[in-house]
C-alpha atoms as a PDB file:
ATOM      1  CA  MET A   1     128.306  69.623   5.456  1.00  0.00           C
ATOM      2  CA  THR A   2     126.757  66.401   6.761  1.00  0.00           C
ATOM      3  CA  ILE A   3     129.095  63.398   6.965  1.00  0.00           C
ATOM      4  CA  ARG A   4     127.461  60.341   5.434  1.00  0.00           C
ATOM      5  CA  VAL A   5     128.412  57.209   7.401  1.00  0.00           C
ATOM      6  CA  LEU A   6     128.053  53.559   6.409  1.00  0.00           C
ATOM      7  CA  LEU A   7     128.151  50.921   9.170  1.00  0.00           C
ATOM      8  CA  ALA A   8     129.669  47.526   8.310  1.00  0.00           C
ATOM      9  CA  ASP A   9     129.565  44.957  11.128  1.00  0.00           C
ATOM     10  CA  ASP A  10     128.033  41.492  11.377  1.00  0.00           C
ATOM     11  CA  GLN A  11     126.590  42.226  14.832  1.00  0.00           C
ATOM     12  CA  ALA A  12     123.210  43.924  14.493  1.00  0.00           C
ATOM     13  CA  LEU A  13     123.240  45.084  18.121  1.00  0.00           C
ATOM     14  CA  LEU A  14     126.556  46.829  17.638  1.00  0.00           C
ATOM     15  CA  ARG A  15     125.406  48.462  14.404  1.00  0.00           C
ATOM     16  CA  GLY A  16     122.354  49.726  16.267  1.00  0.00           C
ATOM     17  CA  ALA A  17     124.508  51.262  18.972  1.00  0.00           C
ATOM     18  CA  PHE A  18     126.733  52.929  16.389  1.00  0.00           C
ATOM     19  CA  ARG A  19     123.672  54.261  14.550  1.00  0.00           C
ATOM     20  CA  VAL A  20     122.276  55.884  17.702  1.00  0.00           C
ATOM     21  CA  LEU A  21     125.648  57.437  18.470  1.00  0.00           C
ATOM     22  CA  VAL A  22     126.314  58.744  14.966  1.00  0.00           C
ATOM     23  CA  GLU A  23     122.829  60.125  14.465  1.00  0.00           C
ATOM     24  CA  SER A  24     123.013  61.978  17.781  1.00  0.00           C
ATOM     25  CA  GLU A  25     125.408  64.373  16.049  1.00  0.00           C
ATOM     26  CA  PRO A  26     123.967  67.215  13.932  1.00  0.00           C
ATOM     27  CA  ASP A  27     126.728  66.937  11.330  1.00  0.00           C
ATOM     28  CA  MET A  28     126.420  63.173  10.714  1.00  0.00           C
ATOM     29  CA  GLU A  29     123.918  60.704   9.313  1.00  0.00           C
ATOM     30  CA  VAL A  30     123.900  56.929   8.794  1.00  0.00           C
ATOM     31  CA  VAL A  31     123.187  56.142   5.156  1.00  0.00           C
ATOM     32  CA  GLY A  32     123.299  52.355   5.359  1.00  0.00           C
ATOM     33  CA  GLU A  33     124.144  49.206   7.316  1.00  0.00           C
ATOM     34  CA  ALA A  34     125.993  46.155   6.025  1.00  0.00           C
ATOM     35  CA  SER A  35     126.397  42.776   7.719  1.00  0.00           C
ATOM     36  CA  ASP A  36     129.327  41.633   5.567  1.00  0.00           C
ATOM     37  CA  GLY A  37     132.023  43.027   3.300  1.00  0.00           C
ATOM     38  CA  ALA A  38     130.284  42.394  -0.009  1.00  0.00           C
ATOM     39  CA  GLU A  39     127.236  44.300   1.167  1.00  0.00           C
ATOM     40  CA  ALA A  40     129.483  47.104   2.427  1.00  0.00           C
ATOM     41  CA  VAL A  41     131.095  47.516  -0.995  1.00  0.00           C
ATOM     42  CA  ALA A  42     127.713  47.577  -2.735  1.00  0.00           C
ATOM     43  CA  LEU A  43     126.301  50.114  -0.284  1.00  0.00           C
ATOM     44  CA  ALA A  44     129.406  52.285  -0.488  1.00  0.00           C
ATOM     45  CA  ARG A  45     128.608  52.639  -4.194  1.00  0.00           C
ATOM     46  CA  SER A  46     124.860  53.144  -3.909  1.00  0.00           C
ATOM     47  CA  ALA A  47     124.650  55.217  -0.726  1.00  0.00           C
ATOM     48  CA  ARG A  48     127.617  57.468  -1.571  1.00  0.00           C
ATOM     49  CA  ALA A  49     129.024  57.321   1.939  1.00  0.00           C
ATOM     50  CA  ASP A  50     131.836  59.602   3.050  1.00  0.00           C
ATOM     51  CA  VAL A  51     133.106  57.236   5.755  1.00  0.00           C
ATOM     52  CA  VAL A  52     132.714  53.473   6.154  1.00  0.00           C
ATOM     53  CA  LEU A  53     133.063  52.106   9.687  1.00  0.00           C
ATOM     54  CA  MET A  54     134.453  48.698   8.764  1.00  0.00           C
ATOM     55  CA  ASP A  55     134.723  45.672  11.027  1.00  0.00           C
ATOM     56  CA  ILE A  56     137.616  43.460   9.918  1.00  0.00           C
ATOM     57  CA  ARG A  57     136.259  40.081  10.968  1.00  0.00           C
ATOM     58  CA  MET A  58     132.953  39.364   9.268  1.00  0.00           C
ATOM     59  CA  PRO A  59     131.583  36.162   7.709  1.00  0.00           C
ATOM     60  CA  GLY A  60     131.786  35.797   3.945  1.00  0.00           C
ATOM     61  CA  THR A  61     133.656  38.753   2.492  1.00  0.00           C
ATOM     62  CA  ASP A  62     135.733  40.142   5.358  1.00  0.00           C
ATOM     63  CA  GLY A  63     136.490  43.771   6.066  1.00  0.00           C
ATOM     64  CA  LEU A  64     139.994  43.572   4.644  1.00  0.00           C
ATOM     65  CA  THR A  65     138.779  42.377   1.258  1.00  0.00           C
ATOM     66  CA  ALA A  66     135.998  44.967   1.293  1.00  0.00           C
ATOM     67  CA  THR A  67     138.446  47.748   2.160  1.00  0.00           C
ATOM     68  CA  ARG A  68     140.666  46.774  -0.747  1.00  0.00           C
ATOM     69  CA  ALA A  69     137.679  46.754  -3.116  1.00  0.00           C
ATOM     70  CA  ILE A  70     136.509  50.188  -1.994  1.00  0.00           C
ATOM     71  CA  THR A  71     139.889  51.876  -2.111  1.00  0.00           C
ATOM     72  CA  ALA A  72     140.723  50.359  -5.501  1.00  0.00           C
ATOM     73  CA  ASP A  73     137.523  51.699  -7.068  1.00  0.00           C
ATOM     74  CA  GLU A  74     138.157  55.077  -8.726  1.00  0.00           C
ATOM     75  CA  ASP A  75     134.467  55.906  -8.443  1.00  0.00           C
ATOM     76  CA  LEU A  76     134.807  55.624  -4.652  1.00  0.00           C
ATOM     77  CA  ALA A  77     137.916  57.805  -4.363  1.00  0.00           C
ATOM     78  CA  GLY A  78     136.153  60.095  -1.897  1.00  0.00           C
ATOM     79  CA  VAL A  79     135.170  57.271   0.463  1.00  0.00           C
ATOM     80  CA  ALA A  80     137.339  56.864   3.565  1.00  0.00           C
ATOM     81  CA  VAL A  81     137.469  53.553   5.438  1.00  0.00           C
ATOM     82  CA  LEU A  82     137.833  53.589   9.211  1.00  0.00           C
ATOM     83  CA  VAL A  83     138.613  50.091  10.475  1.00  0.00           C
ATOM     84  CA  LEU A  84     137.074  49.032  13.777  1.00  0.00           C
ATOM     85  CA  THR A  85     138.703  46.140  15.567  1.00  0.00           C
ATOM     86  CA  THR A  86     138.449  44.360  18.891  1.00  0.00           C
ATOM     87  CA  PHE A  87     142.235  44.012  19.037  1.00  0.00           C
ATOM     88  CA  GLU A  88     144.246  47.087  18.096  1.00  0.00           C
ATOM     89  CA  ALA A  89     147.497  45.086  17.950  1.00  0.00           C
ATOM     90  CA  ASP A  90     146.293  43.004  15.033  1.00  0.00           C
ATOM     91  CA  GLU A  91     148.381  42.402  11.931  1.00  0.00           C
ATOM     92  CA  TYR A  92     145.215  42.478   9.836  1.00  0.00           C
ATOM     93  CA  VAL A  93     144.953  46.177  10.646  1.00  0.00           C
ATOM     94  CA  VAL A  94     148.306  46.763   8.949  1.00  0.00           C
ATOM     95  CA  GLN A  95     147.015  44.869   5.937  1.00  0.00           C
ATOM     96  CA  ALA A  96     143.968  47.145   5.972  1.00  0.00           C
ATOM     97  CA  LEU A  97     146.210  50.215   5.997  1.00  0.00           C
ATOM     98  CA  ARG A  98     148.161  48.752   3.097  1.00  0.00           C
ATOM     99  CA  ALA A  99     144.851  48.149   1.340  1.00  0.00           C
ATOM    100  CA  GLY A 100     143.975  51.818   1.658  1.00  0.00           C
ATOM    101  CA  ALA A 101     142.152  52.234   4.982  1.00  0.00           C
ATOM    102  CA  SER A 102     142.515  55.724   6.424  1.00  0.00           C
ATOM    103  CA  GLY A 103     143.025  54.483   9.968  1.00  0.00           C
ATOM    104  CA  PHE A 104     141.688  52.270  12.715  1.00  0.00           C
ATOM    105  CA  LEU A 105     140.110  52.426  16.119  1.00  0.00           C
ATOM    106  CA  GLY A 106     139.553  49.828  18.811  1.00  0.00           C
ATOM    107  CA  LYS A 107     135.947  48.931  19.551  1.00  0.00           C
ATOM    108  CA  GLY A 108     136.627  49.775  23.171  1.00  0.00           C
ATOM    109  CA  ALA A 109     137.135  53.455  22.326  1.00  0.00           C
ATOM    110  CA  GLU A 110     135.024  56.079  24.042  1.00  0.00           C
ATOM    111  CA  PRO A 111     132.018  57.395  22.072  1.00  0.00           C
ATOM    112  CA  ARG A 112     133.633  60.817  21.692  1.00  0.00           C
ATOM    113  CA  GLU A 113     136.772  59.201  20.281  1.00  0.00           C
ATOM    114  CA  LEU A 114     134.734  57.441  17.610  1.00  0.00           C
ATOM    115  CA  LEU A 115     132.878  60.608  16.629  1.00  0.00           C
ATOM    116  CA  ASP A 116     136.128  62.572  16.488  1.00  0.00           C
ATOM    117  CA  ALA A 117     137.688  59.784  14.417  1.00  0.00           C
ATOM    118  CA  ILE A 118     134.874  59.945  11.886  1.00  0.00           C
ATOM    119  CA  ARG A 119     135.357  63.691  11.495  1.00  0.00           C
ATOM    120  CA  ILE A 120     139.139  63.364  11.190  1.00  0.00           C
ATOM    121  CA  VAL A 121     138.942  60.655   8.544  1.00  0.00           C
ATOM    122  CA  ALA A 122     136.185  62.456   6.653  1.00  0.00           C
ATOM    123  CA  ALA A 123     138.293  65.620   6.537  1.00  0.00           C
ATOM    124  CA  GLY A 124     141.386  63.695   5.428  1.00  0.00           C
ATOM    125  CA  ASP A 125     143.568  66.152   7.330  1.00  0.00           C
ATOM    126  CA  ALA A 126     145.223  63.878   9.864  1.00  0.00           C
ATOM    127  CA  LEU A 127     146.116  60.254  10.426  1.00  0.00           C
ATOM    128  CA  LEU A 128     143.781  58.688  12.928  1.00  0.00           C
ATOM    129  CA  SER A 129     145.309  57.564  16.214  1.00  0.00           C
ATOM    130  CA  PRO A 130     148.905  58.245  15.107  1.00  0.00           C
ATOM    131  CA  THR A 131     150.640  56.847  18.175  1.00  0.00           C
ATOM    132  CA  ALA A 132     148.725  53.561  18.081  1.00  0.00           C
ATOM    133  CA  THR A 133     149.077  53.241  14.319  1.00  0.00           C
ATOM    134  CA  ARG A 134     152.805  53.914  14.469  1.00  0.00           C
ATOM    135  CA  SER A 135     153.215  51.301  17.208  1.00  0.00           C
ATOM    136  CA  LEU A 136     151.270  48.797  15.145  1.00  0.00           C
ATOM    137  CA  ILE A 137     153.416  49.455  12.092  1.00  0.00           C
ATOM    138  CA  ASP A 138     156.519  49.083  14.258  1.00  0.00           C
ATOM    139  CA  ARG A 139     155.383  45.569  15.178  1.00  0.00           C
ATOM    140  CA  PHE A 140     154.161  44.193  11.905  1.00  0.00           C
ATOM    141  CA  LEU A 141     155.286  46.336   8.994  1.00  0.00           C
ATOM    142  CA  ALA A 142     158.863  47.310   9.722  1.00  0.00           C
ATOM    143  CA  LEU A 143     160.335  44.772  12.106  1.00  0.00           C
ATOM    144  CA  PRO A 144     164.046  45.269  12.873  1.00  0.00           C
ATOM    145  CA  GLY A 145     166.109  43.627  10.185  1.00  0.00           C
ATOM    146  CA  ALA A 146     163.205  43.346   7.752  1.00  0.00           C
ATOM    147  CA  PRO A 147     164.167  44.348   4.219  1.00  0.00           C
ATOM    148  CA  ALA A 148     162.711  47.597   2.951  1.00  0.00           C
ATOM    149  CA  ARG A 149     160.272  47.453   0.071  1.00  0.00           C
ATOM    150  CA  PRO A 150     161.473  49.672  -2.777  1.00  0.00           C
ATOM    151  CA  VAL A 151     159.278  52.714  -3.379  1.00  0.00           C
ATOM    152  CA  PRO A 152     160.728  54.201  -6.590  1.00  0.00           C
ATOM    153  CA  GLU A 153     158.402  57.186  -6.364  1.00  0.00           C
ATOM    154  CA  LEU A 154     160.422  58.470  -3.393  1.00  0.00           C
ATOM    155  CA  ALA A 155     163.062  59.600  -5.875  1.00  0.00           C
ATOM    156  CA  ALA A 156     160.600  62.188  -7.176  1.00  0.00           C
ATOM    157  CA  LEU A 157     160.305  63.873  -3.776  1.00  0.00           C
ATOM    158  CA  THR A 158     162.201  67.060  -3.014  1.00  0.00           C
ATOM    159  CA  ALA A 159     164.382  67.218   0.088  1.00  0.00           C
ATOM    160  CA  ARG A 160     161.697  69.232   1.874  1.00  0.00           C
ATOM    161  CA  GLU A 161     158.969  66.781   0.887  1.00  0.00           C
ATOM    162  CA  ARG A 162     161.030  63.923   2.309  1.00  0.00           C
ATOM    163  CA  GLU A 163     161.491  65.912   5.499  1.00  0.00           C
ATOM    164  CA  VAL A 164     157.761  66.498   5.754  1.00  0.00           C
ATOM    165  CA  LEU A 165     157.079  62.807   5.041  1.00  0.00           C
ATOM    166  CA  VAL A 166     159.283  61.794   7.977  1.00  0.00           C
ATOM    167  CA  GLN A 167     157.303  64.126  10.245  1.00  0.00           C
ATOM    168  CA  VAL A 168     153.986  62.778   8.948  1.00  0.00           C
ATOM    169  CA  ALA A 169     155.223  59.253   9.669  1.00  0.00           C
ATOM    170  CA  ALA A 170     155.887  60.395  13.243  1.00  0.00           C
ATOM    171  CA  GLY A 171     152.161  61.065  13.542  1.00  0.00           C
ATOM    172  CA  LEU A 172     152.445  64.853  13.720  1.00  0.00           C
ATOM    173  CA  PRO A 173     149.657  67.160  12.486  1.00  0.00           C
ATOM    174  CA  ASN A 174     150.431  70.005  10.097  1.00  0.00           C
ATOM    175  CA  ASP A 175     150.616  72.668  12.809  1.00  0.00           C
ATOM    176  CA  GLU A 176     153.306  70.774  14.718  1.00  0.00           C
ATOM    177  CA  ILE A 177     155.255  70.004  11.563  1.00  0.00           C
ATOM    178  CA  ALA A 178     155.116  73.692  10.653  1.00  0.00           C
ATOM    179  CA  ASP A 179     156.535  74.644  14.070  1.00  0.00           C
ATOM    180  CA  ARG A 180     159.355  72.129  13.750  1.00  0.00           C
ATOM    181  CA  LEU A 181     160.323  73.186  10.244  1.00  0.00           C
ATOM    182  CA  GLY A 182     159.777  76.903  10.696  1.00  0.00           C
ATOM    183  CA  VAL A 183     157.199  77.220   7.912  1.00  0.00           C
ATOM    184  CA  SER A 184     153.461  77.916   7.760  1.00  0.00           C
ATOM    185  CA  PRO A 185     150.817  75.182   8.149  1.00  0.00           C
ATOM    186  CA  LEU A 186     149.622  76.022   4.641  1.00  0.00           C
ATOM    187  CA  THR A 187     153.106  75.333   3.275  1.00  0.00           C
ATOM    188  CA  VAL A 188     153.154  71.992   5.081  1.00  0.00           C
ATOM    189  CA  LYS A 189     149.743  71.118   3.681  1.00  0.00           C
ATOM    190  CA  THR A 190     151.007  71.909   0.185  1.00  0.00           C
ATOM    191  CA  HIS A 191     154.036  69.648   0.678  1.00  0.00           C
ATOM    192  CA  VAL A 192     151.830  66.856   2.054  1.00  0.00           C
ATOM    193  CA  ASN A 193     149.434  67.103  -0.887  1.00  0.00           C
ATOM    194  CA  ARG A 194     152.289  67.043  -3.398  1.00  0.00           C
ATOM    195  CA  THR A 195     153.870  64.072  -1.640  1.00  0.00           C
ATOM    196  CA  MET A 196     150.575  62.198  -1.692  1.00  0.00           C
ATOM    197  CA  ALA A 197     150.222  62.903  -5.412  1.00  0.00           C
ATOM    198  CA  LYS A 198     153.759  61.735  -6.196  1.00  0.00           C
ATOM    199  CA  LEU A 199     153.427  58.549  -4.150  1.00  0.00           C
ATOM    200  CA  GLY A 200     149.878  57.805  -5.278  1.00  0.00           C
ATOM    201  CA  ALA A 201     148.674  57.870  -1.665  1.00  0.00           C
ATOM    202  CA  ARG A 202     145.001  58.302  -0.795  1.00  0.00           C
ATOM    203  CA  ASP A 203     145.694  59.962   2.530  1.00  0.00           C
ATOM    204  CA  ARG A 204     148.195  60.401   5.360  1.00  0.00           C
ATOM    205  CA  ALA A 205     147.811  56.796   6.509  1.00  0.00           C
ATOM    206  CA  GLN A 206     149.201  55.687   3.168  1.00  0.00           C
ATOM    207  CA  LEU A 207     152.116  58.108   3.547  1.00  0.00           C
ATOM    208  CA  VAL A 208     153.003  56.484   6.870  1.00  0.00           C
ATOM    209  CA  VAL A 209     152.929  53.031   5.289  1.00  0.00           C
ATOM    210  CA  ALA A 210     155.144  54.207   2.413  1.00  0.00           C
ATOM    211  CA  ALA A 211     157.627  55.826   4.806  1.00  0.00           C
ATOM    212  CA  TYR A 212     158.009  52.626   6.828  1.00  0.00           C
ATOM    213  CA  GLU A 213     157.933  50.136   3.978  1.00  0.00           C
ATOM    214  CA  SER A 214     160.581  52.063   2.018  1.00  0.00           C
ATOM    215  CA  GLY A 215     162.900  52.228   5.016  1.00  0.00           C
ATOM    216  CA  LEU A 216     162.831  56.038   5.067  1.00  0.00           C
ATOM    217  CA  VAL A 217     161.597  55.698   8.653  1.00  0.00           C
ATOM    218  CA  ARG A 218     162.654  52.819  10.836  1.00  0.00           C
ATOM    219  CA  PRO A 219     160.882  51.289  13.866  1.00  0.00           C
ATOM    220  CA  SER A 220     161.176  52.818  17.278  1.00  0.00           C
ATOM    221  CA  ALA A 221     163.717  51.302  19.628  1.00  0.00           C
ATOM    222  CA  ARG A 222     162.224  48.710  21.938  1.00  0.00           C
END
């Protein structure tokens, strides 16, 4: 299946470079380019993209607002947003994850990293850049001493689902979680899907946010 990619960045030169890179892959195609967030939202609807590469800082409607609009639209439930940022340690990235982005990548990433990231986010099977995302959340989302945000839906999780959620928040893929828990990857996937349904999460990135914000997982020691 061909992954349909929408490019949202105010720099035409950068969009052009991304287009060349994406279209060099046989399983990807660029279905549109947007120079601001409002245009990105409109094109996400009309072009039926699978993945939006979203710059956060754009004039007019920024990438954060556009991400929130896309992820809140039920008609765009199948659209994943991959945030691109010049500074990975940026609190706006956490806001984007809260808004429903599937992950983020620094603009200084290698071309292969970007292509792999698009495939990962399109598949919805793994949180993009788990170590970097977890570090970012440590800094801005769950600072030591910060009060936890109640997530009542956690009460609906089984003990095993909570256990799996903790492992997901650690950035582990299903295979590694399966090894740790002594179950099959398919069983882990089932638990992850049920946990996402119970928490109303779009993807694994949202599970990580919920785990940290609720206090189920606390920041790493510094």
